[in-house]
Protein backbone atom coordinates (compact mmCIF):
# COMPACT_ATOMS: atom_id res chain seq x y z
CA ARG A 1 -44.04 74.92 -4.62
CA ASN A 2 -40.30 74.60 -4.06
CA TYR A 3 -38.41 77.92 -4.30
CA TRP A 4 -34.97 76.31 -4.39
CA ASP A 5 -33.31 74.08 -6.95
CA GLY A 6 -30.60 72.79 -4.61
CA SER A 7 -27.87 75.09 -5.92
CA ASP A 8 -25.64 77.36 -3.84
CA GLU A 9 -26.95 80.48 -5.54
CA PHE A 10 -30.50 81.39 -6.41
CA TYR A 11 -32.56 84.49 -7.00
CA VAL A 12 -35.67 85.39 -5.03
CA LYS A 13 -37.79 88.47 -5.58
CA LEU A 14 -39.60 89.66 -2.44
CA ALA A 15 -42.51 92.02 -2.02
CA SER A 16 -42.09 94.95 0.39
CA ASP A 17 -43.94 93.03 3.13
CA GLU A 18 -42.06 89.73 2.72
CA TYR A 19 -38.97 88.25 4.41
CA TRP A 20 -36.71 85.36 3.49
CA VAL A 21 -35.49 83.18 6.38
CA MET A 22 -33.15 80.23 6.26
CA GLY A 23 -32.38 77.57 8.82
CA ASP A 24 -28.95 76.66 10.08
CA ASN A 25 -29.18 73.02 9.00
CA ARG A 26 -27.96 73.67 5.47
CA LEU A 27 -29.62 71.13 3.20
CA GLY A 28 -31.77 69.63 5.98
CA SER A 29 -33.67 72.78 6.94
CA LYS A 30 -37.26 73.15 5.88
CA ASP A 31 -37.15 76.91 5.54
CA CYS A 32 -38.09 79.53 2.94
CA ARG A 33 -36.24 77.53 0.30
CA VAL A 34 -39.11 75.03 0.59
CA PHE A 35 -42.18 77.01 1.68
CA GLY A 36 -41.37 80.44 0.26
CA PRO A 37 -41.29 83.97 1.68
CA ILE A 38 -42.89 84.91 5.01
CA LYS A 39 -45.29 87.83 5.27
CA ARG A 40 -44.33 90.57 7.75
CA ASP A 41 -47.55 90.14 9.76
CA LEU A 42 -46.59 86.51 10.54
CA ILE A 43 -43.37 87.55 12.29
CA HIS A 44 -44.00 88.04 16.01
CA GLY A 45 -40.62 87.99 17.66
CA LYS A 46 -36.87 87.99 17.41
CA ILE A 47 -34.40 85.15 17.84
CA VAL A 48 -32.18 85.86 20.83
CA LEU A 49 -30.69 82.46 21.76
CA ARG A 50 -29.34 79.55 19.74
CA ILE A 51 -29.90 76.42 21.78
CA TRP A 52 -27.84 74.03 19.67
CA SER A 53 -26.43 73.41 16.21
CA LEU A 54 -25.89 70.17 14.33
CA ASP A 55 -24.26 69.61 10.94
CA SER A 56 -26.78 67.18 9.44
CA ASP A 57 -28.78 66.61 6.27
CA TYR A 58 -31.76 65.31 8.26
CA SER A 59 -34.69 67.59 9.06
CA TRP A 60 -35.30 65.89 12.41
CA TRP A 61 -32.29 65.50 14.72
CA ILE A 62 -33.76 62.38 16.32
CA VAL A 63 -33.69 60.55 12.96
CA ASP A 64 -30.01 61.44 12.62
CA LEU A 65 -29.27 60.25 16.17
CA ILE A 66 -31.01 56.91 15.59
CA SER A 67 -29.41 56.44 12.16
CA HIS A 68 -25.88 57.41 13.22
CA PRO A 69 -25.61 57.28 17.04
CA ILE A 70 -21.82 57.65 17.22
CA ASP A 71 -21.20 60.03 14.33
CA PHE A 72 -24.10 62.22 15.52
CA TRP A 73 -22.04 63.50 18.46
CA LYS A 74 -19.06 64.26 16.22
CA ARG A 75 -21.20 66.57 14.10
CA MET A 76 -22.50 68.65 16.98
CA ARG A 77 -21.28 72.23 16.82
CA TRP A 78 -20.39 72.44 20.49
CA SER A 79 -19.14 76.03 20.24
CA ARG A 80 -22.64 77.12 19.21
CA PHE A 81 -24.52 75.68 22.21
CA PHE A 82 -26.56 78.19 24.20
CA GLN A 83 -25.17 81.11 22.25
CA TRP A 84 -26.77 84.57 22.31
CA VAL A 85 -27.71 85.81 18.86
CA ARG A 86 -27.20 89.52 18.21
């Protein structure tokens, strides 16, 4: 079941033990917009470091790199490499 219709705004009702998480890859992330809310007991840690960030519509970065080898490097968010997340 897809919880997202592709729009910029959407409404989600969560139970008291549910969380809504979204990836940083905008339209390419397979996150709660696709698989729905996450139950609290499935969360086991906290994100502390962002390794890298890419502005891409592909779910897999390697597909993007193979499809667009030159443009791929232009869409890297270099300022977000190895960045601590508070």
